[in-house]
Amino acid sequence: MKHLLAQGLGDAVGFVVGALLGFFAGQWLGCDVFEAGYSTRSMVGIALVGLGGGLGLQAARRWLHVKPTEHDAP
């Protein structure tokens, strides 16, 4: 049960951190997610948020599934 809780929390944190990084990268590039309408800049900003969230989720899953090395205690 604790493993599932850790996995769920890790996925959530990874997704949110990745999405925020994507959002701020979009802001830095001048792509406003909250711009009125569906302009090209708005769509690029939305895509960056989605891409960042997905990459953050995958990074969190890889980090949680690291196999123990021979130096780790049993």
N, C-alpha and C. Protein backbone atom coordinates (compact mmCIF):
# COMPACT_ATOMS: atom_id res chain seq x y z
N MET A 1 0.82 -1.20 0.00
CA MET A 1 0.00 0.00 0.00
C MET A 1 0.86 1.27 0.00
N LYS A 2 1.95 1.23 0.79
CA LYS A 2 2.82 2.41 0.84
C LYS A 2 3.50 2.64 -0.50
N HIS A 3 3.79 1.56 -1.22
CA HIS A 3 4.41 1.68 -2.53
C HIS A 3 3.47 2.41 -3.50
N LEU A 4 2.19 2.09 -3.45
CA LEU A 4 1.23 2.74 -4.34
C LEU A 4 1.07 4.22 -4.00
N LEU A 5 1.08 4.54 -2.70
CA LEU A 5 0.99 5.93 -2.28
C LEU A 5 2.22 6.71 -2.74
N ALA A 6 3.39 6.12 -2.57
CA ALA A 6 4.62 6.78 -3.01
C ALA A 6 4.62 6.97 -4.53
N GLN A 7 4.14 5.98 -5.26
CA GLN A 7 4.09 6.09 -6.71
C GLN A 7 3.11 7.18 -7.14
N GLY A 8 1.96 7.24 -6.52
CA GLY A 8 0.97 8.26 -6.87
C GLY A 8 1.46 9.66 -6.55
N LEU A 9 2.05 9.83 -5.38
CA LEU A 9 2.56 11.15 -5.01
C LEU A 9 3.74 11.54 -5.89
N GLY A 10 4.59 10.59 -6.21
CA GLY A 10 5.73 10.88 -7.10
C GLY A 10 5.26 11.28 -8.49
N ASP A 11 4.24 10.58 -9.00
CA ASP A 11 3.69 10.94 -10.31
C ASP A 11 3.10 12.34 -10.30
N ALA A 12 2.35 12.65 -9.24
CA ALA A 12 1.71 13.97 -9.15
C ALA A 12 2.75 15.08 -9.07
N VAL A 13 3.75 14.89 -8.23
CA VAL A 13 4.79 15.92 -8.07
C VAL A 13 5.58 16.09 -9.37
N GLY A 14 5.93 14.97 -10.00
CA GLY A 14 6.68 15.06 -11.26
C GLY A 14 5.89 15.77 -12.34
N PHE A 15 4.59 15.46 -12.44
CA PHE A 15 3.76 16.11 -13.46
C PHE A 15 3.64 17.62 -13.20
N VAL A 16 3.37 17.99 -11.96
CA VAL A 16 3.17 19.41 -11.65
C VAL A 16 4.47 20.20 -11.85
N VAL A 17 5.58 19.64 -11.39
CA VAL A 17 6.86 20.35 -11.56
C VAL A 17 7.19 20.48 -13.04
N GLY A 18 6.99 19.41 -13.81
CA GLY A 18 7.26 19.47 -15.24
C GLY A 18 6.35 20.45 -15.96
N ALA A 19 5.07 20.47 -15.58
CA ALA A 19 4.14 21.41 -16.21
C ALA A 19 4.51 22.85 -15.88
N LEU A 20 4.93 23.09 -14.65
CA LEU A 20 5.35 24.45 -14.29
C LEU A 20 6.61 24.86 -15.04
N LEU A 21 7.53 23.94 -15.20
CA LEU A 21 8.73 24.26 -15.99
C LEU A 21 8.37 24.55 -17.45
N GLY A 22 7.42 23.79 -18.00
CA GLY A 22 6.95 24.05 -19.36
C GLY A 22 6.25 25.39 -19.47
N PHE A 23 5.46 25.72 -18.44
CA PHE A 23 4.76 27.01 -18.43
C PHE A 23 5.75 28.17 -18.41
N PHE A 24 6.75 28.08 -17.53
CA PHE A 24 7.71 29.17 -17.44
C PHE A 24 8.62 29.24 -18.65
N ALA A 25 8.90 28.10 -19.28
CA ALA A 25 9.65 28.13 -20.54
C ALA A 25 8.83 28.83 -21.62
N GLY A 26 7.54 28.58 -21.64
CA GLY A 26 6.66 29.26 -22.59
C GLY A 26 6.60 30.76 -22.33
N GLN A 27 6.54 31.15 -21.07
CA GLN A 27 6.53 32.57 -20.73
C GLN A 27 7.84 33.23 -21.16
N TRP A 28 8.96 32.52 -20.97
CA TRP A 28 10.26 33.04 -21.36
C TRP A 28 10.34 33.22 -22.87
N LEU A 29 9.69 32.31 -23.62
CA LEU A 29 9.69 32.40 -25.08
C LEU A 29 8.61 33.35 -25.62
N GLY A 30 7.76 33.87 -24.73
CA GLY A 30 6.72 34.80 -25.16
C GLY A 30 5.43 34.12 -25.58
N CYS A 31 5.23 32.88 -25.16
CA CYS A 31 4.02 32.13 -25.50
C CYS A 31 3.10 32.09 -24.28
N ASP A 32 2.04 32.89 -24.30
CA ASP A 32 1.14 33.01 -23.16
C ASP A 32 0.03 31.97 -23.27
N VAL A 33 -0.07 31.09 -22.29
CA VAL A 33 -1.09 30.04 -22.27
C VAL A 33 -2.48 30.65 -22.12
N PHE A 34 -2.58 31.73 -21.36
CA PHE A 34 -3.87 32.32 -21.04
C PHE A 34 -4.27 33.45 -21.99
N GLU A 35 -3.66 33.52 -23.14
CA GLU A 35 -4.00 34.53 -24.14
C GLU A 35 -5.41 34.25 -24.68
N ALA A 36 -6.15 35.28 -24.96
CA ALA A 36 -7.51 35.10 -25.49
C ALA A 36 -7.47 34.49 -26.87
N GLY A 37 -8.32 33.52 -27.11
CA GLY A 37 -8.37 32.86 -28.42
C GLY A 37 -7.34 31.76 -28.53
N TYR A 38 -7.27 31.19 -29.71
CA TYR A 38 -6.33 30.10 -29.97
C TYR A 38 -5.31 30.54 -31.02
N SER A 39 -4.47 31.49 -30.62
CA SER A 39 -3.43 31.94 -31.52
C SER A 39 -2.30 30.91 -31.54
N THR A 40 -1.35 31.09 -32.43
CA THR A 40 -0.22 30.17 -32.53
C THR A 40 0.60 30.20 -31.24
N ARG A 41 0.83 31.38 -30.70
CA ARG A 41 1.60 31.49 -29.46
C ARG A 41 0.89 30.79 -28.31
N SER A 42 -0.41 30.92 -28.24
CA SER A 42 -1.17 30.25 -27.19
C SER A 42 -1.08 28.73 -27.32
N MET A 43 -1.19 28.23 -28.53
CA MET A 43 -1.12 26.79 -28.76
C MET A 43 0.28 26.24 -28.45
N VAL A 44 1.32 27.00 -28.79
CA VAL A 44 2.68 26.57 -28.46
C VAL A 44 2.86 26.54 -26.95
N GLY A 45 2.32 27.52 -26.24
CA GLY A 45 2.40 27.53 -24.78
C GLY A 45 1.68 26.35 -24.16
N ILE A 46 0.50 26.01 -24.69
CA ILE A 46 -0.24 24.86 -24.20
C ILE A 46 0.54 23.57 -24.46
N ALA A 47 1.15 23.47 -25.63
CA ALA A 47 1.94 22.29 -25.96
C ALA A 47 3.16 22.17 -25.04
N LEU A 48 3.79 23.28 -24.70
CA LEU A 48 4.94 23.24 -23.80
C LEU A 48 4.54 22.79 -22.40
N VAL A 49 3.38 23.22 -21.93
CA VAL A 49 2.90 22.78 -20.62
C VAL A 49 2.63 21.27 -20.65
N GLY A 50 1.99 20.79 -21.69
CA GLY A 50 1.73 19.35 -21.80
C GLY A 50 3.00 18.54 -21.93
N LEU A 51 3.92 19.01 -22.73
CA LEU A 51 5.20 18.32 -22.90
C LEU A 51 5.99 18.30 -21.60
N GLY A 52 6.01 19.42 -20.91
CA GLY A 52 6.71 19.48 -19.63
C GLY A 52 6.09 18.56 -18.59
N GLY A 53 4.76 18.51 -18.55
CA GLY A 53 4.09 17.61 -17.61
C GLY A 53 4.38 16.16 -17.90
N GLY A 54 4.37 15.79 -19.17
CA GLY A 54 4.66 14.41 -19.54
C GLY A 54 6.10 14.02 -19.25
N LEU A 55 7.03 14.92 -19.53
CA LEU A 55 8.44 14.65 -19.25
C LEU A 55 8.70 14.57 -17.74
N GLY A 56 8.03 15.44 -16.99
CA GLY A 56 8.18 15.40 -15.53
C GLY A 56 7.63 14.12 -14.95
N LEU A 57 6.52 13.64 -15.48
CA LEU A 57 5.93 12.38 -15.03
C LEU A 57 6.86 11.22 -15.32
N GLN A 58 7.41 11.18 -16.51
CA GLN A 58 8.33 10.10 -16.87
C GLN A 58 9.61 10.16 -16.03
N ALA A 59 10.11 11.35 -15.75
CA ALA A 59 11.31 11.49 -14.92
C ALA A 59 11.04 11.01 -13.50
N ALA A 60 9.86 11.33 -12.97
CA ALA A 60 9.52 10.88 -11.62
C ALA A 60 9.40 9.36 -11.57
N ARG A 61 8.81 8.75 -12.58
CA ARG A 61 8.67 7.29 -12.61
C ARG A 61 10.03 6.61 -12.71
N ARG A 62 10.91 7.16 -13.52
CA ARG A 62 12.26 6.58 -13.65
C ARG A 62 13.03 6.73 -12.33
N TRP A 63 12.85 7.87 -11.67
CA TRP A 63 13.55 8.11 -10.42
C TRP A 63 13.07 7.17 -9.33
N LEU A 64 11.77 6.89 -9.29
CA LEU A 64 11.23 6.00 -8.26
C LEU A 64 11.55 4.54 -8.53
N HIS A 65 11.84 4.16 -9.75
CA HIS A 65 12.09 2.77 -10.09
C HIS A 65 13.57 2.46 -10.25
N VAL A 66 14.43 3.25 -9.62
CA VAL A 66 15.86 3.00 -9.68
C VAL A 66 16.16 1.74 -8.89
N LYS A 67 16.90 0.83 -9.49
CA LYS A 67 17.25 -0.41 -8.82
C LYS A 67 18.34 -0.14 -7.79
N PRO A 68 18.27 -0.80 -6.63
CA PRO A 68 19.32 -0.60 -5.62
C PRO A 68 20.66 -1.14 -6.09
N THR A 69 21.71 -0.45 -5.73
CA THR A 69 23.05 -0.88 -6.11
C THR A 69 23.61 -1.79 -5.02
N GLU A 70 24.78 -2.33 -5.25
CA GLU A 70 25.37 -3.25 -4.28
C GLU A 70 25.81 -2.51 -3.02
N HIS A 71 25.93 -1.17 -3.07
CA HIS A 71 26.34 -0.40 -1.92
C HIS A 71 25.17 -0.07 -1.00
N ASP A 72 23.93 -0.22 -1.49
CA ASP A 72 22.76 0.08 -0.67
C ASP A 72 22.53 -1.05 0.34
N ALA A 73 22.04 -0.66 1.48
CA ALA A 73 21.75 -1.66 2.53
C ALA A 73 20.51 -2.43 2.15
N PRO A 74 20.43 -3.72 2.55
CA PRO A 74 19.24 -4.52 2.19
C PRO A 74 18.00 -4.12 2.93
